[in-house]
Amino acid sequence: MMIRPLLVLAASAAALALALAHAAEHLAGLRPCPLCLLQRWPYWAAIGVAAVGLLLPARFGAIALFLVAALFLGNAALAAFHAGVEWRFWPSPVAACAPPGLGTARTVEDLLQSLPPVAAVPCDEPAVRVLGLSMAGWNALYALAVAGILTISLVRRRSTP
């Protein structure tokens, strides 16, 4: 298969994932945690790399596609890590995922003043589960599948004379 259609497919797959995340947030009212927000960045990067790959000469397209596949694979790892946090296999290393501590508050009023204006969304409590998997779990499978499709396409393209 030609590289350019694969770059369009990859950018579309990343845009679809972002659209679903934003729809869950803005239409369904599911507030994302810091790890959820972090998982959006590789998709934005994949769209940018794919767009640059489409603008460059065709011989550089395979490099762009390889980078996009790596971004999807990295996002799959990040999403799987987040799913592990949700299943409490390990704690999140992201400080924003932890509930706020007491700090130097000596009274209830001090504590209330020190709280952020919007309550933090914990990373270890999924907002929803579908067929037993959270959005992070589904994102891990989705990103892994897209990375696999892109990688297989690259390998087949390379092995075809």
N, C-alpha and C. Protein backbone atom coordinates (compact mmCIF):
# COMPACT_ATOMS: atom_id res chain seq x y z
N MET A 1 0.85 -1.18 0.00
CA MET A 1 0.00 0.00 0.00
C MET A 1 0.89 1.24 0.00
N MET A 2 0.42 2.26 -0.61
CA MET A 2 1.16 3.51 -0.68
C MET A 2 1.23 4.17 0.69
N ILE A 3 2.23 4.97 0.90
CA ILE A 3 2.46 5.61 2.20
C ILE A 3 1.44 6.71 2.46
N ARG A 4 1.14 7.51 1.48
CA ARG A 4 0.25 8.66 1.70
C ARG A 4 -1.13 8.25 2.23
N PRO A 5 -1.77 7.23 1.66
CA PRO A 5 -3.07 6.82 2.25
C PRO A 5 -2.93 6.33 3.70
N LEU A 6 -1.80 5.70 4.01
CA LEU A 6 -1.58 5.25 5.39
C LEU A 6 -1.40 6.44 6.33
N LEU A 7 -0.75 7.48 5.85
CA LEU A 7 -0.61 8.68 6.68
C LEU A 7 -1.97 9.34 6.92
N VAL A 8 -2.81 9.36 5.90
CA VAL A 8 -4.16 9.90 6.05
C VAL A 8 -4.95 9.03 7.03
N LEU A 9 -4.84 7.72 6.89
CA LEU A 9 -5.52 6.80 7.79
C LEU A 9 -5.06 7.02 9.23
N ALA A 10 -3.76 7.16 9.43
CA ALA A 10 -3.21 7.35 10.77
C ALA A 10 -3.69 8.67 11.38
N ALA A 11 -3.66 9.73 10.60
CA ALA A 11 -4.13 11.02 11.10
C ALA A 11 -5.62 10.95 11.42
N SER A 12 -6.37 10.26 10.59
CA SER A 12 -7.81 10.10 10.84
C SER A 12 -8.07 9.29 12.09
N ALA A 13 -7.29 8.25 12.30
CA ALA A 13 -7.44 7.42 13.50
C ALA A 13 -7.13 8.24 14.76
N ALA A 14 -6.11 9.08 14.69
CA ALA A 14 -5.78 9.93 15.83
C ALA A 14 -6.88 10.97 16.06
N ALA A 15 -7.38 11.55 14.98
CA ALA A 15 -8.45 12.54 15.11
C ALA A 15 -9.72 11.91 15.67
N LEU A 16 -10.01 10.68 15.27
CA LEU A 16 -11.18 9.98 15.80
C LEU A 16 -11.04 9.75 17.30
N ALA A 17 -9.87 9.34 17.75
CA ALA A 17 -9.66 9.13 19.18
C ALA A 17 -9.84 10.43 19.96
N LEU A 18 -9.30 11.52 19.42
CA LEU A 18 -9.46 12.82 20.08
C LEU A 18 -10.92 13.26 20.08
N ALA A 19 -11.61 13.03 18.99
CA ALA A 19 -13.03 13.41 18.92
C ALA A 19 -13.85 12.63 19.95
N LEU A 20 -13.56 11.35 20.10
CA LEU A 20 -14.28 10.55 21.09
C LEU A 20 -13.97 11.02 22.51
N ALA A 21 -12.72 11.35 22.77
CA ALA A 21 -12.35 11.84 24.10
C ALA A 21 -13.05 13.16 24.40
N HIS A 22 -13.05 14.06 23.43
CA HIS A 22 -13.70 15.36 23.64
C HIS A 22 -15.22 15.21 23.75
N ALA A 23 -15.79 14.28 22.99
CA ALA A 23 -17.24 14.03 23.09
C ALA A 23 -17.58 13.47 24.47
N ALA A 24 -16.77 12.56 24.97
CA ALA A 24 -17.01 12.00 26.31
C ALA A 24 -16.93 13.10 27.37
N GLU A 25 -16.02 14.02 27.16
CA GLU A 25 -15.84 15.11 28.12
C GLU A 25 -16.96 16.15 28.02
N HIS A 26 -17.22 16.64 26.81
CA HIS A 26 -18.13 17.77 26.66
C HIS A 26 -19.59 17.39 26.45
N LEU A 27 -19.84 16.22 25.88
CA LEU A 27 -21.23 15.82 25.64
C LEU A 27 -21.74 14.88 26.74
N ALA A 28 -20.88 13.97 27.19
CA ALA A 28 -21.30 13.00 28.21
C ALA A 28 -20.96 13.48 29.63
N GLY A 29 -20.18 14.55 29.74
CA GLY A 29 -19.87 15.10 31.06
C GLY A 29 -18.84 14.32 31.85
N LEU A 30 -18.04 13.48 31.19
CA LEU A 30 -17.00 12.72 31.89
C LEU A 30 -15.75 13.60 31.99
N ARG A 31 -15.37 13.95 33.20
CA ARG A 31 -14.20 14.81 33.39
C ARG A 31 -12.93 13.97 33.32
N PRO A 32 -11.96 14.39 32.51
CA PRO A 32 -10.72 13.63 32.38
C PRO A 32 -9.77 13.90 33.55
N CYS A 33 -9.03 12.88 33.92
CA CYS A 33 -8.00 13.04 34.94
C CYS A 33 -6.70 13.49 34.24
N PRO A 34 -5.67 13.81 34.99
CA PRO A 34 -4.41 14.22 34.35
C PRO A 34 -3.81 13.16 33.42
N LEU A 35 -3.93 11.88 33.76
CA LEU A 35 -3.40 10.84 32.87
C LEU A 35 -4.24 10.73 31.60
N CYS A 36 -5.53 10.97 31.70
CA CYS A 36 -6.39 10.98 30.50
C CYS A 36 -5.94 12.09 29.56
N LEU A 37 -5.71 13.27 30.12
CA LEU A 37 -5.28 14.41 29.30
C LEU A 37 -3.92 14.15 28.67
N LEU A 38 -3.05 13.47 29.40
CA LEU A 38 -1.71 13.16 28.89
C LEU A 38 -1.79 12.24 27.67
N GLN A 39 -2.79 11.36 27.65
CA GLN A 39 -2.94 10.42 26.53
C GLN A 39 -3.38 11.11 25.25
N ARG A 40 -3.82 12.32 25.32
CA ARG A 40 -4.24 13.04 24.11
C ARG A 40 -3.05 13.57 23.32
N TRP A 41 -1.95 13.86 24.00
CA TRP A 41 -0.79 14.47 23.34
C TRP A 41 -0.19 13.62 22.22
N PRO A 42 -0.01 12.31 22.40
CA PRO A 42 0.52 11.53 21.27
C PRO A 42 -0.39 11.56 20.04
N TYR A 43 -1.69 11.66 20.26
CA TYR A 43 -2.59 11.75 19.11
C TYR A 43 -2.41 13.07 18.37
N TRP A 44 -2.29 14.17 19.13
CA TRP A 44 -2.03 15.47 18.48
C TRP A 44 -0.71 15.42 17.72
N ALA A 45 0.30 14.82 18.34
CA ALA A 45 1.61 14.71 17.68
C ALA A 45 1.51 13.85 16.43
N ALA A 46 0.74 12.76 16.49
CA ALA A 46 0.58 11.88 15.33
C ALA A 46 -0.07 12.62 14.16
N ILE A 47 -1.06 13.44 14.47
CA ILE A 47 -1.69 14.24 13.42
C ILE A 47 -0.68 15.18 12.79
N GLY A 48 0.12 15.84 13.61
CA GLY A 48 1.13 16.76 13.10
C GLY A 48 2.20 16.07 12.27
N VAL A 49 2.70 14.94 12.75
CA VAL A 49 3.74 14.20 12.01
C VAL A 49 3.17 13.68 10.70
N ALA A 50 1.95 13.17 10.73
CA ALA A 50 1.33 12.67 9.50
C ALA A 50 1.14 13.81 8.50
N ALA A 51 0.72 14.97 8.98
CA ALA A 51 0.53 16.12 8.09
C ALA A 51 1.86 16.54 7.46
N VAL A 52 2.91 16.57 8.26
CA VAL A 52 4.23 16.92 7.72
C VAL A 52 4.67 15.86 6.71
N GLY A 53 4.41 14.58 7.04
CA GLY A 53 4.75 13.50 6.12
C GLY A 53 4.04 13.62 4.78
N LEU A 54 2.82 14.13 4.80
CA LEU A 54 2.08 14.34 3.55
C LEU A 54 2.65 15.49 2.73
N LEU A 55 3.26 16.45 3.40
CA LEU A 55 3.82 17.62 2.71
C LEU A 55 5.22 17.36 2.16
N LEU A 56 5.92 16.40 2.76
CA LEU A 56 7.29 16.11 2.34
C LEU A 56 7.31 15.22 1.10
N PRO A 57 8.45 15.14 0.43
CA PRO A 57 8.56 14.20 -0.69
C PRO A 57 8.25 12.76 -0.23
N ALA A 58 7.78 11.94 -1.15
CA ALA A 58 7.30 10.60 -0.84
C ALA A 58 8.35 9.74 -0.13
N ARG A 59 9.62 9.93 -0.44
CA ARG A 59 10.65 9.08 0.17
C ARG A 59 10.76 9.28 1.68
N PHE A 60 10.27 10.43 2.19
CA PHE A 60 10.29 10.67 3.63
C PHE A 60 9.00 10.21 4.31
N GLY A 61 8.03 9.83 3.51
CA GLY A 61 6.75 9.40 4.06
C GLY A 61 6.86 8.20 4.96
N ALA A 62 7.71 7.24 4.61
CA ALA A 62 7.88 6.04 5.43
C ALA A 62 8.45 6.40 6.80
N ILE A 63 9.33 7.37 6.84
CA ILE A 63 9.89 7.81 8.13
C ILE A 63 8.79 8.43 8.99
N ALA A 64 7.98 9.27 8.36
CA ALA A 64 6.86 9.89 9.09
C ALA A 64 5.90 8.82 9.58
N LEU A 65 5.61 7.83 8.74
CA LEU A 65 4.69 6.76 9.14
C LEU A 65 5.27 5.94 10.28
N PHE A 66 6.56 5.69 10.25
CA PHE A 66 7.22 4.98 11.35
C PHE A 66 7.08 5.78 12.65
N LEU A 67 7.29 7.08 12.57
CA LEU A 67 7.16 7.92 13.77
C LEU A 67 5.72 7.93 14.29
N VAL A 68 4.77 7.97 13.39
CA VAL A 68 3.36 7.95 13.80
C VAL A 68 3.04 6.61 14.47
N ALA A 69 3.52 5.51 13.89
CA ALA A 69 3.30 4.20 14.51
C ALA A 69 3.92 4.16 15.91
N ALA A 70 5.09 4.75 16.05
CA ALA A 70 5.75 4.80 17.37
C ALA A 70 4.93 5.62 18.36
N LEU A 71 4.33 6.71 17.89
CA LEU A 71 3.47 7.52 18.76
C LEU A 71 2.25 6.74 19.22
N PHE A 72 1.64 5.98 18.31
CA PHE A 72 0.50 5.15 18.68
C PHE A 72 0.93 4.07 19.67
N LEU A 73 2.08 3.46 19.44
CA LEU A 73 2.57 2.43 20.35
C LEU A 73 2.87 3.02 21.73
N GLY A 74 3.48 4.19 21.75
CA GLY A 74 3.74 4.87 23.02
C GLY A 74 2.46 5.22 23.74
N ASN A 75 1.45 5.64 23.00
CA ASN A 75 0.16 5.97 23.61
C ASN A 75 -0.50 4.71 24.16
N ALA A 76 -0.35 3.59 23.45
CA ALA A 76 -0.89 2.32 23.96
C ALA A 76 -0.23 1.96 25.29
N ALA A 77 1.06 2.18 25.40
CA ALA A 77 1.77 1.90 26.65
C ALA A 77 1.29 2.83 27.76
N LEU A 78 1.14 4.11 27.44
CA LEU A 78 0.67 5.08 28.42
C LEU A 78 -0.75 4.75 28.88
N ALA A 79 -1.61 4.39 27.95
CA ALA A 79 -2.99 4.03 28.30
C ALA A 79 -3.03 2.75 29.13
N ALA A 80 -2.19 1.77 28.79
CA ALA A 80 -2.13 0.53 29.57
C ALA A 80 -1.64 0.83 30.99
N PHE A 81 -0.66 1.73 31.10
CA PHE A 81 -0.19 2.14 32.43
C PHE A 81 -1.33 2.78 33.22
N HIS A 82 -2.10 3.64 32.57
CA HIS A 82 -3.22 4.30 33.23
C HIS A 82 -4.26 3.26 33.66
N ALA A 83 -4.53 2.29 32.80
CA ALA A 83 -5.47 1.23 33.17
C ALA A 83 -4.95 0.46 34.39
N GLY A 84 -3.65 0.26 34.47
CA GLY A 84 -3.05 -0.39 35.64
C GLY A 84 -3.25 0.44 36.90
N VAL A 85 -3.17 1.76 36.77
CA VAL A 85 -3.44 2.64 37.91
C VAL A 85 -4.89 2.49 38.33
N GLU A 86 -5.79 2.42 37.35
CA GLU A 86 -7.21 2.27 37.67
C GLU A 86 -7.52 0.94 38.35
N TRP A 87 -6.82 -0.10 37.95
CA TRP A 87 -7.01 -1.41 38.59
C TRP A 87 -6.20 -1.53 39.88
N ARG A 88 -5.48 -0.45 40.23
CA ARG A 88 -4.67 -0.38 41.44
C ARG A 88 -3.52 -1.42 41.46
N PHE A 89 -3.00 -1.69 40.26
CA PHE A 89 -1.81 -2.53 40.17
C PHE A 89 -0.58 -1.77 40.65
N TRP A 90 -0.59 -0.44 40.48
CA TRP A 90 0.50 0.43 40.90
C TRP A 90 -0.06 1.84 41.07
N PRO A 91 0.62 2.65 41.86
CA PRO A 91 0.14 4.04 42.04
C PRO A 91 0.58 4.91 40.86
N SER A 92 -0.14 5.99 40.68
CA SER A 92 0.24 6.95 39.65
C SER A 92 1.41 7.80 40.13
N PRO A 93 2.41 7.99 39.28
CA PRO A 93 3.52 8.87 39.66
C PRO A 93 3.20 10.35 39.43
N VAL A 94 2.04 10.64 38.82
CA VAL A 94 1.66 12.02 38.52
C VAL A 94 1.08 12.65 39.77
N ALA A 95 1.72 13.70 40.24
CA ALA A 95 1.30 14.34 41.50
C ALA A 95 -0.13 14.86 41.43
N ALA A 96 -0.56 15.32 40.27
CA ALA A 96 -1.91 15.87 40.14
C ALA A 96 -2.99 14.81 40.30
N CYS A 97 -2.61 13.54 40.24
CA CYS A 97 -3.59 12.46 40.40
C CYS A 97 -3.92 12.19 41.86
N ALA A 98 -3.06 12.63 42.76
CA ALA A 98 -3.26 12.37 44.17
C ALA A 98 -4.19 13.42 44.78
N PRO A 99 -4.98 13.02 45.76
CA PRO A 99 -5.81 14.02 46.42
C PRO A 99 -4.94 15.04 47.15
N PRO A 100 -5.41 16.26 47.29
CA PRO A 100 -4.59 17.27 47.95
C PRO A 100 -4.36 16.91 49.42
N GLY A 101 -3.19 17.22 49.88
CA GLY A 101 -2.85 16.96 51.28
C GLY A 101 -3.29 18.13 52.17
N LEU A 102 -3.07 17.96 53.44
CA LEU A 102 -3.44 19.02 54.38
C LEU A 102 -2.50 20.20 54.31
N GLY A 103 -1.27 19.96 53.88
CA GLY A 103 -0.31 21.05 53.78
C GLY A 103 -0.10 21.71 55.13
N THR A 104 -0.15 23.03 55.15
CA THR A 104 0.07 23.77 56.39
C THR A 104 -1.24 24.24 57.03
N ALA A 105 -2.36 23.74 56.54
CA ALA A 105 -3.66 24.17 57.06
C ALA A 105 -3.79 23.78 58.53
N ARG A 106 -4.22 24.75 59.35
CA ARG A 106 -4.42 24.50 60.78
C ARG A 106 -5.90 24.49 61.15
N THR A 107 -6.71 25.07 60.26
CA THR A 107 -8.14 25.11 60.52
C THR A 107 -8.88 24.63 59.28
N VAL A 108 -10.15 24.37 59.41
CA VAL A 108 -10.97 23.97 58.27
C VAL A 108 -11.01 25.09 57.24
N GLU A 109 -11.07 26.33 57.69
CA GLU A 109 -11.09 27.45 56.76
C GLU A 109 -9.80 27.51 55.95
N ASP A 110 -8.65 27.29 56.62
CA ASP A 110 -7.37 27.26 55.91
C ASP A 110 -7.36 26.16 54.85
N LEU A 111 -7.89 25.00 55.23
CA LEU A 111 -7.93 23.88 54.30
C LEU A 111 -8.81 24.20 53.09
N LEU A 112 -9.97 24.79 53.34
CA LEU A 112 -10.87 25.14 52.24
C LEU A 112 -10.24 26.18 51.32
N GLN A 113 -9.50 27.12 51.89
CA GLN A 113 -8.84 28.14 51.08
C GLN A 113 -7.73 27.54 50.22
N SER A 114 -7.10 26.46 50.69
CA SER A 114 -5.97 25.87 49.97
C SER A 114 -6.42 24.93 48.85
N LEU A 115 -7.69 24.56 48.83
CA LEU A 115 -8.17 23.64 47.80
C LEU A 115 -8.27 24.35 46.45
N PRO A 116 -8.02 23.61 45.37
CA PRO A 116 -8.15 24.23 44.04
C PRO A 116 -9.63 24.53 43.77
N PRO A 117 -9.90 25.49 42.88
CA PRO A 117 -11.30 25.88 42.61
C PRO A 117 -12.12 24.74 41.98
N VAL A 118 -11.47 23.85 41.25
CA VAL A 118 -12.15 22.72 40.65
C VAL A 118 -11.55 21.46 41.26
N ALA A 119 -12.39 20.58 41.72
CA ALA A 119 -11.92 19.35 42.34
C ALA A 119 -11.12 18.52 41.33
N ALA A 120 -10.02 17.97 41.81
CA ALA A 120 -9.19 17.12 40.96
C ALA A 120 -9.93 15.81 40.67
N VAL A 121 -9.74 15.30 39.48
CA VAL A 121 -10.31 14.02 39.11
C VAL A 121 -9.25 12.96 39.40
N PRO A 122 -9.56 11.99 40.25
CA PRO A 122 -8.56 10.98 40.57
C PRO A 122 -8.26 10.07 39.38
N CYS A 123 -7.01 9.69 39.23
CA CYS A 123 -6.60 8.85 38.10
C CYS A 123 -6.91 7.38 38.32
N ASP A 124 -7.19 7.02 39.57
CA ASP A 124 -7.39 5.59 39.85
C ASP A 124 -8.87 5.20 39.92
N GLU A 125 -9.75 6.11 39.53
CA GLU A 125 -11.18 5.81 39.51
C GLU A 125 -11.73 6.09 38.12
N PRO A 126 -11.94 5.05 37.31
CA PRO A 126 -12.46 5.29 35.96
C PRO A 126 -13.85 5.89 35.99
N ALA A 127 -14.10 6.81 35.10
CA ALA A 127 -15.41 7.47 35.04
C ALA A 127 -16.48 6.50 34.55
N VAL A 128 -16.08 5.57 33.70
CA VAL A 128 -17.03 4.62 33.13
C VAL A 128 -16.26 3.37 32.71
N ARG A 129 -16.95 2.24 32.76
CA ARG A 129 -16.40 0.99 32.22
C ARG A 129 -17.40 0.45 31.20
N VAL A 130 -16.87 0.01 30.08
CA VAL A 130 -17.69 -0.59 29.03
C VAL A 130 -17.12 -1.98 28.77
N LEU A 131 -17.95 -2.99 28.96
CA LEU A 131 -17.52 -4.38 28.82
C LEU A 131 -16.30 -4.68 29.69
N GLY A 132 -16.28 -4.08 30.87
CA GLY A 132 -15.21 -4.34 31.83
C GLY A 132 -13.97 -3.49 31.67
N LEU A 133 -13.87 -2.71 30.61
CA LEU A 133 -12.69 -1.88 30.40
C LEU A 133 -13.05 -0.40 30.53
N SER A 134 -12.12 0.34 31.11
CA SER A 134 -12.29 1.79 31.20
C SER A 134 -11.91 2.41 29.86
N MET A 135 -12.08 3.71 29.77
CA MET A 135 -11.68 4.41 28.55
C MET A 135 -10.17 4.25 28.31
N ALA A 136 -9.39 4.24 29.39
CA ALA A 136 -7.95 4.03 29.24
C ALA A 136 -7.66 2.65 28.68
N GLY A 137 -8.38 1.65 29.15
CA GLY A 137 -8.20 0.29 28.63
C GLY A 137 -8.55 0.19 27.16
N TRP A 138 -9.69 0.80 26.78
CA TRP A 138 -10.07 0.79 25.38
C TRP A 138 -9.08 1.58 24.53
N ASN A 139 -8.58 2.68 25.07
CA ASN A 139 -7.59 3.47 24.35
C ASN A 139 -6.33 2.66 24.11
N ALA A 140 -5.91 1.87 25.11
CA ALA A 140 -4.72 1.03 24.95
C ALA A 140 -4.91 0.05 23.80
N LEU A 141 -6.07 -0.60 23.76
CA LEU A 141 -6.34 -1.57 22.69
C LEU A 141 -6.41 -0.88 21.32
N TYR A 142 -7.07 0.25 21.27
CA TYR A 142 -7.22 1.00 20.02
C TYR A 142 -5.86 1.45 19.49
N ALA A 143 -5.08 2.09 20.35
CA ALA A 143 -3.77 2.59 19.91
C ALA A 143 -2.85 1.44 19.51
N LEU A 144 -2.93 0.33 20.23
CA LEU A 144 -2.11 -0.84 19.89
C LEU A 144 -2.54 -1.41 18.53
N ALA A 145 -3.83 -1.47 18.29
CA ALA A 145 -4.33 -1.98 17.01
C ALA A 145 -3.88 -1.08 15.85
N VAL A 146 -3.99 0.22 16.01
CA VAL A 146 -3.58 1.13 14.93
C VAL A 146 -2.07 1.04 14.73
N ALA A 147 -1.31 0.99 15.82
CA ALA A 147 0.15 0.84 15.69
C ALA A 147 0.49 -0.46 14.97
N GLY A 148 -0.23 -1.52 15.29
CA GLY A 148 0.01 -2.80 14.62
C GLY A 148 -0.29 -2.75 13.14
N ILE A 149 -1.41 -2.14 12.77
CA ILE A 149 -1.77 -2.02 11.36
C ILE A 149 -0.73 -1.21 10.61
N LEU A 150 -0.29 -0.10 11.20
CA LEU A 150 0.71 0.74 10.53
C LEU A 150 2.04 0.01 10.40
N THR A 151 2.44 -0.70 11.45
CA THR A 151 3.71 -1.43 11.43
C THR A 151 3.68 -2.56 10.41
N ILE A 152 2.59 -3.33 10.40
CA ILE A 152 2.46 -4.41 9.42
C ILE A 152 2.49 -3.85 8.00
N SER A 153 1.82 -2.73 7.79
CA SER A 153 1.82 -2.11 6.47
C SER A 153 3.22 -1.67 6.06
N LEU A 154 3.97 -1.13 7.00
CA LEU A 154 5.34 -0.72 6.70
C LEU A 154 6.22 -1.92 6.38
N VAL A 155 6.09 -2.99 7.15
CA VAL A 155 6.90 -4.19 6.93
C VAL A 155 6.56 -4.82 5.59
N ARG A 156 5.26 -4.90 5.29
CA ARG A 156 4.85 -5.48 4.00
C ARG A 156 5.34 -4.63 2.83
N ARG A 157 5.30 -3.35 3.01
CA ARG A 157 5.74 -2.44 1.94
C ARG A 157 7.23 -2.63 1.70
N ARG A 158 7.98 -2.82 2.78
CA ARG A 158 9.43 -2.99 2.66
C ARG A 158 9.81 -4.32 2.04
N SER A 159 9.02 -5.35 2.32
CA SER A 159 9.35 -6.68 1.82
C SER A 159 8.82 -6.92 0.41
N THR A 160 7.95 -6.04 -0.07
CA THR A 160 7.43 -6.18 -1.43
C THR A 160 8.41 -5.56 -2.41
N PRO A 161 8.79 -6.33 -3.45
CA PRO A 161 9.78 -5.78 -4.41
C PRO A 161 9.23 -4.67 -5.26
